[in-house]
């Protein structure tokens, strides 16, 4: 995959800003997504959705956080999970989708799955 200098700089800024958020937790779909985020420099708290055994269990478990940053994949399943999560939690917790949108903008849509961020690892570390 062709990676531009602008993408690298924007991703560095993206990870830096994500690391600044202390009262937040990042939610990804699974283990590979969490690993990819860590490998590009994210050092904050990550929760893997699939460890909870369903949307309701997940919603009950994360309701005590101040802010939820959702980074689900941009496929059909990820969009469905995002919608259900917002529906169940929108009145209980602040939900931030801005990082998901920024990731799409930064990578110009090349990254549909969070685990694909590993292709940027050698440029960011």
C-alpha atoms as a PDB file:
ATOM      1  CA  UNK A   1       0.000   0.000   0.000  1.00  0.00           C
ATOM      2  CA  UNK A   2       1.283   3.434  -0.929  1.00  0.00           C
ATOM      3  CA  UNK A   3       1.676   5.621   2.161  1.00  0.00           C
ATOM      4  CA  UNK A   4       2.117   9.375   1.873  1.00  0.00           C
ATOM      5  CA  UNK A   5       4.110  11.601   4.186  1.00  0.00           C
ATOM      6  CA  UNK A   6       0.900  13.483   5.008  1.00  0.00           C
ATOM      7  CA  UNK A   7      -0.786  10.255   6.170  1.00  0.00           C
ATOM      8  CA  UNK A   8       2.166   9.481   8.429  1.00  0.00           C
ATOM      9  CA  UNK A   9       2.144  12.958   9.993  1.00  0.00           C
ATOM     10  CA  UNK A  10      -1.640  12.908  10.431  1.00  0.00           C
ATOM     11  CA  UNK A  11      -1.567   9.440  12.006  1.00  0.00           C
ATOM     12  CA  UNK A  12       1.144  10.517  14.447  1.00  0.00           C
ATOM     13  CA  UNK A  13      -1.036  13.457  15.460  1.00  0.00           C
ATOM     14  CA  UNK A  14      -4.078  11.148  15.660  1.00  0.00           C
ATOM     15  CA  UNK A  15      -2.297   8.750  18.059  1.00  0.00           C
ATOM     16  CA  UNK A  16      -0.892  11.642  20.102  1.00  0.00           C
ATOM     17  CA  UNK A  17      -4.358  13.171  20.565  1.00  0.00           C
ATOM     18  CA  UNK A  18      -5.860   9.782  21.377  1.00  0.00           C
ATOM     19  CA  UNK A  19      -3.194   9.263  24.050  1.00  0.00           C
ATOM     20  CA  UNK A  20      -4.022  12.641  25.648  1.00  0.00           C
ATOM     21  CA  UNK A  21      -7.560  11.547  26.559  1.00  0.00           C
ATOM     22  CA  UNK A  22      -7.256  10.210  30.097  1.00  0.00           C
ATOM     23  CA  UNK A  23     -10.893   9.759  31.163  1.00  0.00           C
ATOM     24  CA  UNK A  24     -11.757   7.831  28.019  1.00  0.00           C
ATOM     25  CA  UNK A  25     -11.641   4.281  26.788  1.00  0.00           C
ATOM     26  CA  UNK A  26     -11.226   3.133  23.189  1.00  0.00           C
ATOM     27  CA  UNK A  27     -13.491   0.319  22.042  1.00  0.00           C
ATOM     28  CA  UNK A  28     -12.474  -1.987  19.204  1.00  0.00           C
ATOM     29  CA  UNK A  29     -14.048  -5.182  17.932  1.00  0.00           C
ATOM     30  CA  UNK A  30     -11.332  -7.682  18.769  1.00  0.00           C
ATOM     31  CA  UNK A  31      -7.792  -8.630  19.721  1.00  0.00           C
ATOM     32  CA  UNK A  32      -6.182  -7.854  16.355  1.00  0.00           C
ATOM     33  CA  UNK A  33      -7.635  -4.342  16.402  1.00  0.00           C
ATOM     34  CA  UNK A  34      -6.276  -3.725  19.910  1.00  0.00           C
ATOM     35  CA  UNK A  35      -2.854  -5.044  18.900  1.00  0.00           C
ATOM     36  CA  UNK A  36      -2.746  -2.810  15.825  1.00  0.00           C
ATOM     37  CA  UNK A  37      -3.558   0.287  17.904  1.00  0.00           C
ATOM     38  CA  UNK A  38      -0.853  -0.552  20.433  1.00  0.00           C
ATOM     39  CA  UNK A  39       1.656  -1.206  17.657  1.00  0.00           C
ATOM     40  CA  UNK A  40       1.199   2.278  16.203  1.00  0.00           C
ATOM     41  CA  UNK A  41       1.784   3.902  19.594  1.00  0.00           C
ATOM     42  CA  UNK A  42      -1.528   4.048  21.442  1.00  0.00           C
ATOM     43  CA  UNK A  43      -0.928   3.626  25.167  1.00  0.00           C
ATOM     44  CA  UNK A  44      -4.389   4.210  26.638  1.00  0.00           C
ATOM     45  CA  UNK A  45      -7.127   1.842  27.753  1.00  0.00           C
ATOM     46  CA  UNK A  46      -8.577  -0.436  25.080  1.00  0.00           C
ATOM     47  CA  UNK A  47     -11.659  -2.606  25.475  1.00  0.00           C
ATOM     48  CA  UNK A  48     -12.340  -5.465  23.073  1.00  0.00           C
ATOM     49  CA  UNK A  49     -16.052  -5.711  22.318  1.00  0.00           C
ATOM     50  CA  UNK A  50     -16.069  -9.449  21.599  1.00  0.00           C
ATOM     51  CA  UNK A  51     -14.942 -10.322  25.136  1.00  0.00           C
ATOM     52  CA  UNK A  52     -18.360  -9.323  26.500  1.00  0.00           C
ATOM     53  CA  UNK A  53     -20.607 -11.841  24.754  1.00  0.00           C
ATOM     54  CA  UNK A  54     -23.135  -9.404  23.329  1.00  0.00           C
ATOM     55  CA  UNK A  55     -24.146  -5.786  23.070  1.00  0.00           C
ATOM     56  CA  UNK A  56     -26.198  -5.704  26.276  1.00  0.00           C
ATOM     57  CA  UNK A  57     -23.400  -7.168  28.431  1.00  0.00           C
ATOM     58  CA  UNK A  58     -20.969  -4.761  26.806  1.00  0.00           C
ATOM     59  CA  UNK A  59     -23.221  -1.749  27.432  1.00  0.00           C
ATOM     60  CA  UNK A  60     -23.669  -2.660  31.097  1.00  0.00           C
ATOM     61  CA  UNK A  61     -19.918  -3.151  31.575  1.00  0.00           C
ATOM     62  CA  UNK A  62     -18.770   0.157  30.071  1.00  0.00           C
ATOM     63  CA  UNK A  63     -21.479   2.465  31.417  1.00  0.00           C
ATOM     64  CA  UNK A  64     -19.203   3.681  34.244  1.00  0.00           C
ATOM     65  CA  UNK A  65     -16.658   5.286  31.892  1.00  0.00           C
ATOM     66  CA  UNK A  66     -16.880   9.013  31.261  1.00  0.00           C
ATOM     67  CA  UNK A  67     -16.314   8.792  27.512  1.00  0.00           C
ATOM     68  CA  UNK A  68     -16.336   5.967  24.971  1.00  0.00           C
ATOM     69  CA  UNK A  69     -14.307   6.321  21.776  1.00  0.00           C
ATOM     70  CA  UNK A  70     -15.680   3.850  19.253  1.00  0.00           C
ATOM     71  CA  UNK A  71     -13.270   2.525  16.627  1.00  0.00           C
ATOM     72  CA  UNK A  72     -15.267  -0.331  15.166  1.00  0.00           C
ATOM     73  CA  UNK A  73     -14.515  -1.411  11.609  1.00  0.00           C
ATOM     74  CA  UNK A  74     -16.129   0.303   8.638  1.00  0.00           C
ATOM     75  CA  UNK A  75     -17.810  -2.849   7.365  1.00  0.00           C
ATOM     76  CA  UNK A  76     -21.459  -3.830   7.738  1.00  0.00           C
ATOM     77  CA  UNK A  77     -20.893  -5.542  11.088  1.00  0.00           C
ATOM     78  CA  UNK A  78     -18.945  -2.579  12.478  1.00  0.00           C
ATOM     79  CA  UNK A  79     -21.636  -0.117  11.445  1.00  0.00           C
ATOM     80  CA  UNK A  80     -24.289  -2.328  13.052  1.00  0.00           C
ATOM     81  CA  UNK A  81     -22.323  -2.552  16.318  1.00  0.00           C
ATOM     82  CA  UNK A  82     -21.783   1.200  16.313  1.00  0.00           C
ATOM     83  CA  UNK A  83     -25.500   1.836  15.898  1.00  0.00           C
ATOM     84  CA  UNK A  84     -26.506  -0.631  18.638  1.00  0.00           C
ATOM     85  CA  UNK A  85     -23.894   0.764  21.022  1.00  0.00           C
ATOM     86  CA  UNK A  86     -25.087   4.320  20.471  1.00  0.00           C
ATOM     87  CA  UNK A  87     -28.701   3.234  20.902  1.00  0.00           C
ATOM     88  CA  UNK A  88     -27.991   1.508  24.227  1.00  0.00           C
ATOM     89  CA  UNK A  89     -25.537   4.015  25.699  1.00  0.00           C
ATOM     90  CA  UNK A  90     -26.306   7.469  24.286  1.00  0.00           C
ATOM     91  CA  UNK A  91     -28.068   8.641  27.451  1.00  0.00           C
ATOM     92  CA  UNK A  92     -25.646   6.954  29.853  1.00  0.00           C
ATOM     93  CA  UNK A  93     -22.211   7.875  28.542  1.00  0.00           C
ATOM     94  CA  UNK A  94     -20.581  10.319  26.115  1.00  0.00           C
ATOM     95  CA  UNK A  95     -19.827   8.559  22.824  1.00  0.00           C
ATOM     96  CA  UNK A  96     -17.125   9.911  20.534  1.00  0.00           C
ATOM     97  CA  UNK A  97     -17.125   8.928  16.860  1.00  0.00           C
ATOM     98  CA  UNK A  98     -14.814  11.736  15.752  1.00  0.00           C
ATOM     99  CA  UNK A  99     -11.698   9.559  15.872  1.00  0.00           C
ATOM    100  CA  UNK A 100     -13.357   6.947  13.673  1.00  0.00           C
ATOM    101  CA  UNK A 101     -14.206   9.625  11.097  1.00  0.00           C
ATOM    102  CA  UNK A 102     -10.721  11.142  11.303  1.00  0.00           C
ATOM    103  CA  UNK A 103      -9.122   7.761  10.713  1.00  0.00           C
ATOM    104  CA  UNK A 104     -11.137   7.418   7.514  1.00  0.00           C
ATOM    105  CA  UNK A 105     -10.116  10.903   6.411  1.00  0.00           C
ATOM    106  CA  UNK A 106      -6.429  10.431   7.258  1.00  0.00           C
ATOM    107  CA  UNK A 107      -6.129   7.150   5.375  1.00  0.00           C
ATOM    108  CA  UNK A 108      -8.368   8.388   2.542  1.00  0.00           C
ATOM    109  CA  UNK A 109     -10.637   5.382   3.036  1.00  0.00           C
ATOM    110  CA  UNK A 110      -7.854   2.824   2.494  1.00  0.00           C
ATOM    111  CA  UNK A 111      -8.289   1.478   6.020  1.00  0.00           C
ATOM    112  CA  UNK A 112     -11.649  -0.244   6.487  1.00  0.00           C
ATOM    113  CA  UNK A 113     -10.564  -2.447   9.388  1.00  0.00           C
ATOM    114  CA  UNK A 114      -8.671  -1.173  12.429  1.00  0.00           C
ATOM    115  CA  UNK A 115      -6.318  -4.153  12.269  1.00  0.00           C
ATOM    116  CA  UNK A 116      -5.066  -2.842   8.898  1.00  0.00           C
ATOM    117  CA  UNK A 117      -3.287  -0.047  10.777  1.00  0.00           C
ATOM    118  CA  UNK A 118      -0.344  -2.431  11.159  1.00  0.00           C
ATOM    119  CA  UNK A 119       0.735  -1.396   7.656  1.00  0.00           C
ATOM    120  CA  UNK A 120       1.648   2.006   9.159  1.00  0.00           C
ATOM    121  CA  UNK A 121       3.571   0.527  12.083  1.00  0.00           C
ATOM    122  CA  UNK A 122       7.046   0.806  10.550  1.00  0.00           C
ATOM    123  CA  UNK A 123       6.438   4.489   9.755  1.00  0.00           C
ATOM    124  CA  UNK A 124       5.175   5.481  13.199  1.00  0.00           C
ATOM    125  CA  UNK A 125       7.376   3.682  15.700  1.00  0.00           C
END
